C-alpha atoms as a PDB file:
ATOM      1  CA  MET A   1       0.000   0.000   0.000  1.00  0.00           C
ATOM      2  CA  THR A   2       1.403   3.365  -0.969  1.00  0.00           C
ATOM      3  CA  ASP A   3       1.810   5.805   1.827  1.00  0.00           C
ATOM      4  CA  GLN A   4      -0.121   9.042   1.289  1.00  0.00           C
ATOM      5  CA  PRO A   5       0.829  11.107   4.318  1.00  0.00           C
ATOM      6  CA  ALA A   6      -1.035  14.172   3.089  1.00  0.00           C
ATOM      7  CA  GLN A   7      -4.354  12.342   3.394  1.00  0.00           C
ATOM      8  CA  ALA A   8      -6.427  11.770   6.488  1.00  0.00           C
ATOM      9  CA  ALA A   9      -6.808   8.335   8.045  1.00  0.00           C
ATOM     10  CA  ILE A  10     -10.595   8.695   7.726  1.00  0.00           C
ATOM     11  CA  GLU A  11     -12.466  11.408   5.821  1.00  0.00           C
ATOM     12  CA  ILE A  12     -16.264  11.647   6.226  1.00  0.00           C
ATOM     13  CA  ARG A  13     -18.324  14.169   4.260  1.00  0.00           C
ATOM     14  CA  ASP A  14     -22.062  14.944   4.643  1.00  0.00           C
ATOM     15  CA  LEU A  15     -22.740  11.398   5.823  1.00  0.00           C
ATOM     16  CA  THR A  16     -26.417  10.617   6.434  1.00  0.00           C
ATOM     17  CA  LYS A  17     -28.269   7.476   7.425  1.00  0.00           C
ATOM     18  CA  VAL A  18     -32.063   7.282   7.472  1.00  0.00           C
ATOM     19  CA  TYR A  19     -33.532   3.940   8.519  1.00  0.00           C
ATOM     20  CA  LYS A  20     -36.862   2.565   7.304  1.00  0.00           C
ATOM     21  CA  GLY A  21     -39.628   4.379   9.086  1.00  0.00           C
ATOM     22  CA  GLY A  22     -37.756   7.682   8.807  1.00  0.00           C
ATOM     23  CA  LYS A  23     -35.427   7.441  11.831  1.00  0.00           C
ATOM     24  CA  ARG A  24     -32.460   9.701  11.009  1.00  0.00           C
ATOM     25  CA  ALA A  25     -29.406   8.189  12.722  1.00  0.00           C
ATOM     26  CA  LEU A  26     -26.851  10.447  10.976  1.00  0.00           C
ATOM     27  CA  ASP A  27     -27.663  13.960   9.857  1.00  0.00           C
ATOM     28  CA  GLY A  28     -24.808  15.178   7.636  1.00  0.00           C
ATOM     29  CA  ILE A  29     -21.683  14.219   9.584  1.00  0.00           C
ATOM     30  CA  ASN A  30     -18.335  15.763   8.592  1.00  0.00           C
ATOM     31  CA  LEU A  31     -15.168  14.415  10.212  1.00  0.00           C
ATOM     32  CA  THR A  32     -11.474  14.357   9.370  1.00  0.00           C
ATOM     33  CA  ILE A  33      -9.465  11.934  11.502  1.00  0.00           C
ATOM     34  CA  PRO A  34      -5.715  12.628  11.168  1.00  0.00           C
ATOM     35  CA  ARG A  35      -3.227   9.824  10.587  1.00  0.00           C
ATOM     36  CA  GLY A  36      -1.165   8.609  13.511  1.00  0.00           C
ATOM     37  CA  GLN A  37      -3.412   9.962  16.273  1.00  0.00           C
ATOM     38  CA  ILE A  38      -5.594   8.432  18.962  1.00  0.00           C
ATOM     39  CA  TYR A  39      -8.968   9.973  18.158  1.00  0.00           C
ATOM     40  CA  GLY A  40     -11.943   9.856  20.525  1.00  0.00           C
ATOM     41  CA  LEU A  41     -15.454   9.689  19.090  1.00  0.00           C
ATOM     42  CA  LEU A  42     -17.833  10.490  21.945  1.00  0.00           C
ATOM     43  CA  GLY A  43     -21.537  11.040  22.363  1.00  0.00           C
ATOM     44  CA  PRO A  44     -24.580   9.947  24.367  1.00  0.00           C
ATOM     45  CA  ASN A  45     -26.291   6.609  23.635  1.00  0.00           C
ATOM     46  CA  GLY A  46     -28.055   6.731  20.279  1.00  0.00           C
ATOM     47  CA  ALA A  47     -26.001   9.720  19.091  1.00  0.00           C
ATOM     48  CA  GLY A  48     -24.797   7.938  15.923  1.00  0.00           C
ATOM     49  CA  LYS A  49     -21.309   6.681  16.895  1.00  0.00           C
ATOM     50  CA  SER A  50     -21.951   2.991  16.199  1.00  0.00           C
ATOM     51  CA  THR A  51     -23.849   3.764  12.977  1.00  0.00           C
ATOM     52  CA  THR A  52     -20.829   5.741  11.736  1.00  0.00           C
ATOM     53  CA  ILE A  53     -18.470   2.874  12.608  1.00  0.00           C
ATOM     54  CA  ASN A  54     -20.765   0.268  11.027  1.00  0.00           C
ATOM     55  CA  ILE A  55     -20.840   2.273   7.780  1.00  0.00           C
ATOM     56  CA  LEU A  56     -17.018   2.375   7.768  1.00  0.00           C
ATOM     57  CA  ALA A  57     -16.961  -1.391   8.463  1.00  0.00           C
ATOM     58  CA  GLY A  58     -19.282  -2.074   5.527  1.00  0.00           C
ATOM     59  CA  LEU A  59     -22.008  -3.478   7.822  1.00  0.00           C
ATOM     60  CA  VAL A  60     -24.511  -0.649   7.266  1.00  0.00           C
ATOM     61  CA  ASN A  61     -25.277   1.116   3.976  1.00  0.00           C
ATOM     62  CA  LYS A  62     -25.203   4.901   4.128  1.00  0.00           C
ATOM     63  CA  THR A  63     -28.117   6.917   2.757  1.00  0.00           C
ATOM     64  CA  SER A  64     -25.935   9.680   1.284  1.00  0.00           C
ATOM     65  CA  GLY A  65     -22.571  11.407   1.634  1.00  0.00           C
ATOM     66  CA  SER A  66     -19.108   9.901   1.321  1.00  0.00           C
ATOM     67  CA  ALA A  67     -16.443   8.242   3.438  1.00  0.00           C
ATOM     68  CA  SER A  68     -12.873   7.268   2.652  1.00  0.00           C
ATOM     69  CA  ILE A  69     -10.505   5.104   4.671  1.00  0.00           C
ATOM     70  CA  TRP A  70      -6.743   5.632   4.218  1.00  0.00           C
ATOM     71  CA  GLY A  71      -7.508   7.457   0.959  1.00  0.00           C
ATOM     72  CA  PHE A  72      -9.843   4.730  -0.408  1.00  0.00           C
ATOM     73  CA  ASP A  73     -13.493   5.634  -1.001  1.00  0.00           C
ATOM     74  CA  ILE A  74     -15.752   3.002   0.610  1.00  0.00           C
ATOM     75  CA  ASP A  75     -17.920   2.861  -2.561  1.00  0.00           C
ATOM     76  CA  ALA A  76     -15.250   3.133  -5.281  1.00  0.00           C
ATOM     77  CA  ASN A  77     -12.608   0.941  -3.528  1.00  0.00           C
ATOM     78  CA  PRO A  78     -14.486  -1.178  -0.969  1.00  0.00           C
ATOM     79  CA  ARG A  79     -11.839  -3.927  -0.800  1.00  0.00           C
ATOM     80  CA  ASN A  80      -8.908  -1.549  -0.204  1.00  0.00           C
ATOM     81  CA  ALA A  81     -10.992   0.491   2.256  1.00  0.00           C
ATOM     82  CA  LYS A  82     -11.880  -2.657   4.232  1.00  0.00           C
ATOM     83  CA  ASN A  83      -8.260  -3.859   4.239  1.00  0.00           C
ATOM     84  CA  SER A  84      -7.175  -0.512   5.728  1.00  0.00           C
ATOM     85  CA  ILE A  85      -9.278  -0.806   8.878  1.00  0.00           C
ATOM     86  CA  GLY A  86      -9.675  -3.216  11.769  1.00  0.00           C
ATOM     87  CA  ILE A  87     -12.837  -2.943  13.856  1.00  0.00           C
ATOM     88  CA  VAL A  88     -13.285  -4.143  17.438  1.00  0.00           C
ATOM     89  CA  PRO A  89     -17.087  -4.255  17.846  1.00  0.00           C
ATOM     90  CA  GLN A  90     -19.085  -3.568  21.003  1.00  0.00           C
ATOM     91  CA  GLU A  91     -20.723  -6.999  20.934  1.00  0.00           C
ATOM     92  CA  ILE A  92     -18.593 -10.011  21.813  1.00  0.00           C
ATOM     93  CA  VAL A  93     -19.318 -12.551  19.048  1.00  0.00           C
ATOM     94  CA  PHE A  94     -17.250 -15.716  18.533  1.00  0.00           C
ATOM     95  CA  ASP A  95     -17.664 -19.203  17.198  1.00  0.00           C
ATOM     96  CA  PRO A  96     -17.470 -21.068  20.523  1.00  0.00           C
ATOM     97  CA  PHE A  97     -15.930 -24.168  18.909  1.00  0.00           C
ATOM     98  CA  PHE A  98     -12.763 -22.483  17.674  1.00  0.00           C
ATOM     99  CA  THR A  99      -9.699 -21.841  19.826  1.00  0.00           C
ATOM    100  CA  PRO A 100      -8.210 -18.292  19.924  1.00  0.00           C
ATOM    101  CA  PHE A 101      -5.415 -19.487  17.604  1.00  0.00           C
ATOM    102  CA  GLU A 102      -7.918 -20.938  15.089  1.00  0.00           C
ATOM    103  CA  THR A 103     -10.059 -17.782  15.342  1.00  0.00           C
ATOM    104  CA  LEU A 104      -7.086 -15.626  14.278  1.00  0.00           C
ATOM    105  CA  GLU A 105      -5.985 -18.069  11.558  1.00  0.00           C
ATOM    106  CA  ASN A 106      -9.522 -18.127  10.076  1.00  0.00           C
ATOM    107  CA  GLN A 107      -9.755 -14.331  10.170  1.00  0.00           C
ATOM    108  CA  ALA A 108      -6.344 -14.005   8.478  1.00  0.00           C
ATOM    109  CA  GLY A 109      -7.542 -16.418   5.782  1.00  0.00           C
ATOM    110  CA  TYR A 110     -10.674 -14.316   5.306  1.00  0.00           C
ATOM    111  CA  TYR A 111      -8.422 -11.310   4.584  1.00  0.00           C
ATOM    112  CA  GLY A 112      -6.218 -13.364   2.246  1.00  0.00           C
ATOM    113  CA  VAL A 113      -3.106 -13.155   4.466  1.00  0.00           C
ATOM    114  CA  PRO A 114      -0.682 -15.878   3.231  1.00  0.00           C
ATOM    115  CA  LYS A 115       0.180 -18.538   5.833  1.00  0.00           C
ATOM    116  CA  ASP A 116       3.829 -17.491   6.032  1.00  0.00           C
ATOM    117  CA  ARG A 117       2.804 -13.894   6.849  1.00  0.00           C
ATOM    118  CA  ARG A 118       0.265 -14.667   9.576  1.00  0.00           C
ATOM    119  CA  ARG A 119       1.073 -13.441  13.089  1.00  0.00           C
ATOM    120  CA  SER A 120      -1.464 -15.361  15.173  1.00  0.00           C
ATOM    121  CA  MET A 121       0.837 -16.316  18.060  1.00  0.00           C
ATOM    122  CA  GLU A 122       2.518 -12.886  18.038  1.00  0.00           C
ATOM    123  CA  LEU A 123      -0.899 -11.208  18.357  1.00  0.00           C
ATOM    124  CA  LEU A 124      -2.006 -13.593  21.128  1.00  0.00           C
ATOM    125  CA  ARG A 125       1.212 -12.759  23.013  1.00  0.00           C
ATOM    126  CA  ALA A 126       0.567  -9.029  22.561  1.00  0.00           C
ATOM    127  CA  VAL A 127      -2.912  -9.297  24.120  1.00  0.00           C
ATOM    128  CA  HIS A 128      -1.744 -11.632  26.939  1.00  0.00           C
ATOM    129  CA  LEU A 129      -3.584 -14.700  25.597  1.00  0.00           C
ATOM    130  CA  GLU A 130      -0.646 -16.860  24.538  1.00  0.00           C
ATOM    131  CA  ASP A 131      -1.419 -19.428  27.268  1.00  0.00           C
ATOM    132  CA  LYS A 132      -5.035 -19.680  26.005  1.00  0.00           C
ATOM    133  CA  ALA A 133      -4.053 -20.223  22.345  1.00  0.00           C
ATOM    134  CA  ASN A 134      -5.566 -23.717  22.247  1.00  0.00           C
ATOM    135  CA  ALA A 135      -8.442 -23.306  24.727  1.00  0.00           C
ATOM    136  CA  TYR A 136     -11.974 -23.172  23.316  1.00  0.00           C
ATOM    137  CA  ALA A 137     -13.146 -19.575  22.935  1.00  0.00           C
ATOM    138  CA  ARG A 138     -16.284 -20.364  24.964  1.00  0.00           C
ATOM    139  CA  THR A 139     -14.114 -21.004  28.064  1.00  0.00           C
ATOM    140  CA  LEU A 140     -12.580 -17.496  27.990  1.00  0.00           C
ATOM    141  CA  SER A 141     -13.696 -14.784  30.414  1.00  0.00           C
ATOM    142  CA  GLY A 142     -15.364 -11.603  29.110  1.00  0.00           C
ATOM    143  CA  GLY A 143     -12.119  -9.622  29.384  1.00  0.00           C
ATOM    144  CA  MET A 144     -10.159 -12.291  27.489  1.00  0.00           C
ATOM    145  CA  LYS A 145     -12.774 -12.362  24.725  1.00  0.00           C
ATOM    146  CA  ARG A 146     -12.550  -8.583  24.475  1.00  0.00           C
ATOM    147  CA  ARG A 147      -8.746  -8.810  24.031  1.00  0.00           C
ATOM    148  CA  LEU A 148      -9.157 -11.603  21.467  1.00  0.00           C
ATOM    149  CA  LEU A 149     -11.415  -9.249  19.474  1.00  0.00           C
ATOM    150  CA  VAL A 150      -8.563  -6.697  19.396  1.00  0.00           C
ATOM    151  CA  ALA A 151      -6.127  -9.352  18.113  1.00  0.00           C
ATOM    152  CA  LYS A 152      -8.736 -10.463  15.540  1.00  0.00           C
ATOM    153  CA  ALA A 153      -9.057  -6.882  14.251  1.00  0.00           C
ATOM    154  CA  MET A 154      -5.257  -6.702  13.735  1.00  0.00           C
ATOM    155  CA  VAL A 155      -4.668  -9.948  11.752  1.00  0.00           C
ATOM    156  CA  HIS A 156      -4.333  -8.116   8.421  1.00  0.00           C
ATOM    157  CA  SER A 157      -2.085  -5.362   9.920  1.00  0.00           C
ATOM    158  CA  PRO A 158      -4.461  -2.483   9.113  1.00  0.00           C
ATOM    159  CA  PRO A 159      -3.137   1.085   9.510  1.00  0.00           C
ATOM    160  CA  ILE A 160      -6.364   2.044  11.375  1.00  0.00           C
ATOM    161  CA  LEU A 161      -7.868   0.313  14.417  1.00  0.00           C
ATOM    162  CA  VAL A 162     -11.369   1.249  15.597  1.00  0.00           C
ATOM    163  CA  LEU A 163     -12.396   0.286  19.129  1.00  0.00           C
ATOM    164  CA  ASP A 164     -16.121   0.591  19.819  1.00  0.00           C
ATOM    165  CA  GLU A 165     -16.629   0.739  23.618  1.00  0.00           C
ATOM    166  CA  PRO A 166     -13.696  -1.670  24.151  1.00  0.00           C
ATOM    167  CA  THR A 167     -13.596  -1.553  27.949  1.00  0.00           C
ATOM    168  CA  ALA A 168     -17.302  -1.978  28.711  1.00  0.00           C
ATOM    169  CA  GLY A 169     -17.508  -4.593  31.466  1.00  0.00           C
ATOM    170  CA  VAL A 170     -13.718  -5.051  31.659  1.00  0.00           C
ATOM    171  CA  ASP A 171     -11.987  -4.890  35.047  1.00  0.00           C
ATOM    172  CA  VAL A 172      -9.378  -2.242  35.831  1.00  0.00           C
ATOM    173  CA  GLN A 173      -6.314  -4.475  35.336  1.00  0.00           C
ATOM    174  CA  LEU A 174      -7.485  -5.758  31.939  1.00  0.00           C
ATOM    175  CA  ARG A 175      -8.415  -2.234  30.907  1.00  0.00           C
ATOM    176  CA  GLN A 176      -4.870  -1.069  31.689  1.00  0.00           C
ATOM    177  CA  GLN A 177      -3.377  -3.984  29.691  1.00  0.00           C
ATOM    178  CA  LEU A 178      -5.637  -3.145  26.756  1.00  0.00           C
ATOM    179  CA  TRP A 179      -4.643   0.534  26.817  1.00  0.00           C
ATOM    180  CA  ALA A 180      -0.956  -0.345  27.093  1.00  0.00           C
ATOM    181  CA  TYR A 181      -1.298  -2.420  23.903  1.00  0.00           C
ATOM    182  CA  VAL A 182      -3.285   0.318  22.139  1.00  0.00           C
ATOM    183  CA  LYS A 183      -0.593   2.905  23.018  1.00  0.00           C
ATOM    184  CA  GLU A 184       2.062   0.493  21.726  1.00  0.00           C
ATOM    185  CA  LEU A 185       0.191   0.093  18.417  1.00  0.00           C
ATOM    186  CA  ASN A 186      -0.175   3.859  18.149  1.00  0.00           C
ATOM    187  CA  ALA A 187       3.575   4.327  18.802  1.00  0.00           C
ATOM    188  CA  MET A 188       4.158   1.933  15.873  1.00  0.00           C
ATOM    189  CA  GLY A 189       2.097   4.251  13.636  1.00  0.00           C
ATOM    190  CA  VAL A 190      -1.391   2.720  13.846  1.00  0.00           C
ATOM    191  CA  THR A 191      -4.177   5.335  13.913  1.00  0.00           C
ATOM    192  CA  ILE A 192      -6.621   4.538  16.724  1.00  0.00           C
ATOM    193  CA  VAL A 193     -10.286   5.572  16.753  1.00  0.00           C
ATOM    194  CA  LEU A 194     -11.983   5.043  20.088  1.00  0.00           C
ATOM    195  CA  THR A 195     -15.569   5.334  21.265  1.00  0.00           C
ATOM    196  CA  THR A 196     -16.004   5.157  25.024  1.00  0.00           C
ATOM    197  CA  HIS A 197     -18.375   6.147  27.815  1.00  0.00           C
ATOM    198  CA  TYR A 198     -15.425   6.470  30.189  1.00  0.00           C
ATOM    199  CA  LEU A 199     -14.613  10.136  29.661  1.00  0.00           C
ATOM    200  CA  GLU A 200     -11.520  10.023  31.871  1.00  0.00           C
ATOM    201  CA  GLU A 201     -10.139   7.376  29.460  1.00  0.00           C
ATOM    202  CA  ALA A 202     -10.727   9.623  26.466  1.00  0.00           C
ATOM    203  CA  GLU A 203      -9.160  12.571  28.276  1.00  0.00           C
ATOM    204  CA  GLU A 204      -6.035  10.584  29.135  1.00  0.00           C
ATOM    205  CA  LEU A 205      -5.586   8.738  25.828  1.00  0.00           C
ATOM    206  CA  CYS A 206      -6.890  10.871  22.978  1.00  0.00           C
ATOM    207  CA  ASP A 207      -5.001  13.509  20.998  1.00  0.00           C
ATOM    208  CA  ARG A 208      -8.228  14.815  19.497  1.00  0.00           C
ATOM    209  CA  ILE A 209     -11.935  14.345  20.262  1.00  0.00           C
ATOM    210  CA  GLY A 210     -15.106  14.622  18.203  1.00  0.00           C
ATOM    211  CA  ILE A 211     -18.477  14.709  19.973  1.00  0.00           C
ATOM    212  CA  ILE A 212     -21.614  13.532  18.148  1.00  0.00           C
ATOM    213  CA  ASN A 213     -25.146  14.257  19.324  1.00  0.00           C
ATOM    214  CA  HIS A 214     -28.422  13.548  17.500  1.00  0.00           C
ATOM    215  CA  GLY A 215     -26.490  12.406  14.424  1.00  0.00           C
ATOM    216  CA  ARG A 216     -24.462  15.615  14.111  1.00  0.00           C
ATOM    217  CA  VAL A 217     -20.885  16.566  15.012  1.00  0.00           C
ATOM    218  CA  ILE A 218     -21.144  19.257  17.695  1.00  0.00           C
ATOM    219  CA  THR A 219     -17.398  19.693  18.228  1.00  0.00           C
ATOM    220  CA  ASP A 220     -14.096  18.328  16.897  1.00  0.00           C
ATOM    221  CA  LYS A 221     -10.981  19.717  18.600  1.00  0.00           C
ATOM    222  CA  PRO A 222      -7.634  18.744  20.152  1.00  0.00           C
ATOM    223  CA  THR A 223      -8.326  17.337  23.643  1.00  0.00           C
ATOM    224  CA  ARG A 224      -6.464  20.120  25.509  1.00  0.00           C
ATOM    225  CA  GLU A 225      -8.393  22.793  23.599  1.00  0.00           C
ATOM    226  CA  LEU A 226     -11.683  21.076  24.380  1.00  0.00           C
ATOM    227  CA  ILE A 227     -10.941  20.919  28.110  1.00  0.00           C
ATOM    228  CA  ALA A 228      -9.982  24.621  28.056  1.00  0.00           C
ATOM    229  CA  MET A 229     -13.585  25.315  26.973  1.00  0.00           C
ATOM    230  CA  ALA A 230     -14.833  24.307  30.414  1.00  0.00           C
ATOM    231  CA  GLN A 231     -15.591  27.589  32.180  1.00  0.00           C
ATOM    232  CA  GLU A 232     -17.018  26.172  35.390  1.00  0.00           C
ATOM    233  CA  LYS A 233     -14.605  25.696  38.293  1.00  0.00           C
ATOM    234  CA  VAL A 234     -15.256  24.329  41.753  1.00  0.00           C
ATOM    235  CA  VAL A 235     -13.517  25.246  45.005  1.00  0.00           C
ATOM    236  CA  GLN A 236     -14.169  23.510  48.322  1.00  0.00           C
ATOM    237  CA  VAL A 237     -13.497  25.731  51.321  1.00  0.00           C
ATOM    238  CA  THR A 238     -13.256  24.527  54.934  1.00  0.00           C
ATOM    239  CA  VAL A 239     -13.806  27.306  57.494  1.00  0.00           C
ATOM    240  CA  ASP A 240     -13.080  27.674  61.220  1.00  0.00           C
ATOM    241  CA  ARG A 241     -16.632  27.398  62.554  1.00  0.00           C
ATOM    242  CA  ASP A 242     -20.056  25.923  61.839  1.00  0.00           C
ATOM    243  CA  ILE A 243     -22.125  27.749  59.240  1.00  0.00           C
ATOM    244  CA  ALA A 244     -25.908  27.983  59.472  1.00  0.00           C
ATOM    245  CA  THR A 245     -26.421  29.800  56.146  1.00  0.00           C
ATOM    246  CA  PRO A 246     -23.917  29.777  53.261  1.00  0.00           C
ATOM    247  CA  PRO A 247     -22.606  33.228  52.262  1.00  0.00           C
ATOM    248  CA  SER A 248     -23.622  34.716  48.904  1.00  0.00           C
ATOM    249  CA  ASP A 249     -21.597  36.845  46.512  1.00  0.00           C
ATOM    250  CA  PRO A 250     -21.904  37.921  42.836  1.00  0.00           C
ATOM    251  CA  SER A 251     -18.699  35.946  42.067  1.00  0.00           C
ATOM    252  CA  PHE A 252     -20.421  32.666  43.119  1.00  0.00           C
ATOM    253  CA  GLU A 253     -22.303  30.786  40.422  1.00  0.00           C
ATOM    254  CA  LYS A 254     -23.524  28.316  43.041  1.00  0.00           C
ATOM    255  CA  VAL A 255     -22.752  27.679  46.715  1.00  0.00           C
ATOM    256  CA  GLU A 256     -23.623  24.590  48.774  1.00  0.00           C
ATOM    257  CA  LEU A 257     -23.001  23.492  52.360  1.00  0.00           C
ATOM    258  CA  THR A 258     -21.272  20.105  52.105  1.00  0.00           C
ATOM    259  CA  ASP A 259     -21.206  19.873  55.903  1.00  0.00           C
ATOM    260  CA  GLU A 260     -21.330  22.315  58.853  1.00  0.00           C
ATOM    261  CA  ARG A 261     -17.869  23.731  58.039  1.00  0.00           C
ATOM    262  CA  THR A 262     -17.410  23.048  54.313  1.00  0.00           C
ATOM    263  CA  LEU A 263     -18.599  25.204  51.433  1.00  0.00           C
ATOM    264  CA  THR A 264     -18.566  23.957  47.837  1.00  0.00           C
ATOM    265  CA  ILE A 265     -18.501  27.017  45.586  1.00  0.00           C
ATOM    266  CA  THR A 266     -18.886  26.951  41.811  1.00  0.00           C
ATOM    267  CA  TYR A 267     -17.705  29.960  39.804  1.00  0.00           C
ATOM    268  CA  MET A 268     -17.191  30.789  36.140  1.00  0.00           C
ATOM    269  CA  LYS A 269     -13.523  31.327  35.360  1.00  0.00           C
ATOM    270  CA  ASN A 270     -14.354  33.924  32.689  1.00  0.00           C
ATOM    271  CA  ARG A 271     -16.110  36.041  35.338  1.00  0.00           C
ATOM    272  CA  ALA A 272     -14.118  35.470  38.542  1.00  0.00           C
ATOM    273  CA  ASN A 273     -10.968  33.865  39.884  1.00  0.00           C
ATOM    274  CA  ALA A 274     -10.200  31.769  42.967  1.00  0.00           C
ATOM    275  CA  GLY A 275      -8.746  34.800  44.802  1.00  0.00           C
ATOM    276  CA  GLN A 276     -12.020  36.746  44.469  1.00  0.00           C
ATOM    277  CA  VAL A 277     -14.031  33.754  45.658  1.00  0.00           C
ATOM    278  CA  LEU A 278     -11.851  33.262  48.752  1.00  0.00           C
ATOM    279  CA  SER A 279     -11.907  36.992  49.520  1.00  0.00           C
ATOM    280  CA  ALA A 280     -15.723  36.912  49.382  1.00  0.00           C
ATOM    281  CA  VAL A 281     -15.759  34.037  51.915  1.00  0.00           C
ATOM    282  CA  GLN A 282     -13.442  35.971  54.274  1.00  0.00           C
ATOM    283  CA  ALA A 283     -15.470  39.157  53.818  1.00  0.00           C
ATOM    284  CA  GLY A 284     -18.379  37.209  55.306  1.00  0.00           C
ATOM    285  CA  GLY A 285     -16.393  36.967  58.551  1.00  0.00           C
ATOM    286  CA  LEU A 286     -15.200  33.372  58.018  1.00  0.00           C
ATOM    287  CA  ALA A 287     -11.582  32.273  58.472  1.00  0.00           C
ATOM    288  CA  ILE A 288     -10.387  29.748  55.870  1.00  0.00           C
ATOM    289  CA  VAL A 289      -8.767  26.587  57.236  1.00  0.00           C
ATOM    290  CA  ASP A 290      -8.385  24.557  54.012  1.00  0.00           C
ATOM    291  CA  VAL A 291      -9.006  24.907  50.259  1.00  0.00           C
ATOM    292  CA  VAL A 292      -9.385  22.165  47.623  1.00  0.00           C
ATOM    293  CA  THR A 293      -9.887  23.063  43.955  1.00  0.00           C
ATOM    294  CA  ARG A 294     -11.195  20.854  41.178  1.00  0.00           C
ATOM    295  CA  ASP A 295     -10.126  21.648  37.630  1.00  0.00           C
ATOM    296  CA  PRO A 296     -12.712  21.318  34.881  1.00  0.00           C
ATOM    297  CA  ASP A 297     -12.445  18.085  32.903  1.00  0.00           C
ATOM    298  CA  LEU A 298     -13.795  16.528  29.733  1.00  0.00           C
ATOM    299  CA  GLU A 299     -16.978  15.461  31.506  1.00  0.00           C
ATOM    300  CA  ASP A 300     -17.880  19.110  32.199  1.00  0.00           C
ATOM    301  CA  VAL A 301     -17.375  20.019  28.533  1.00  0.00           C
ATOM    302  CA  PHE A 302     -19.235  16.926  27.328  1.00  0.00           C
ATOM    303  CA  LEU A 303     -22.268  17.614  29.531  1.00  0.00           C
ATOM    304  CA  ASN A 304     -22.349  21.313  28.630  1.00  0.00           C
ATOM    305  CA  LEU A 305     -22.037  20.702  24.879  1.00  0.00           C
ATOM    306  CA  THR A 306     -24.559  17.867  24.704  1.00  0.00           C
ATOM    307  CA  ALA A 307     -27.035  19.793  26.882  1.00  0.00           C
ATOM    308  CA  ALA A 308     -26.661  22.854  24.620  1.00  0.00           C
ATOM    309  CA  ALA A 309     -27.341  20.677  21.562  1.00  0.00           C
ATOM    310  CA  GLU A 310     -30.641  19.316  22.934  1.00  0.00           C
END
């Protein structure tokens, strides 16, 4: 495959999907996913994330618009487009009578990978399943099956790996192993596209994030830039005596009594700063004993953006 560095990993233009009965799952999506990045595709349930992925995978037919994978249009070059992407689906589906090794060998055969170029054992090692190579797939735990799906998506060495909710129902240790492998693949040049409900995962892993709501892209920005959009900040102030009524001040967006001596104050960072908030508390005759601040995170931005798009 010729390398075309100028092109995006995935290019989606005016993509729509209307199901029978008129349900509009995608309403003119435009997305450019850069090569070599870990890209987060986020959105509430039913927003259109899985429909978008299923169109790229060739499992769902689009109604209109276009999509290209690694420079190959999914209509004009379906075979090359499909060979350029590996998809780890949300649902765990396996033939229970095949071993992990046979599962990978069969998948490699499906993609026409010659026997001498198959990497089944190497992939099983990478996802910590080497010792289960010859166990029946039905005997694997949920986390092991999830990792086998990742190995299955990589048998044809695609330059793009899409993970659709890969850590749903996976324990913390397995989740960390999975992310370590994903980071390793990315370091080797594989573009990763990730959908997840765990926003802290997206914040930690992704270079760039697109948020979909009601079948439309409502934002698509570098992760740091997106987090900088969060205007709401929270400061927790412990004071020297019991408070019957929380103080009020124009710099407070919201103030709550967490307990008799603790105030949780929300303020907008474009209208006030922490110094003003603390001064307002002291002006009310309270001495401050302790202060804890919470920086805005991706969850704040996500909730604000999706609420605004309702």
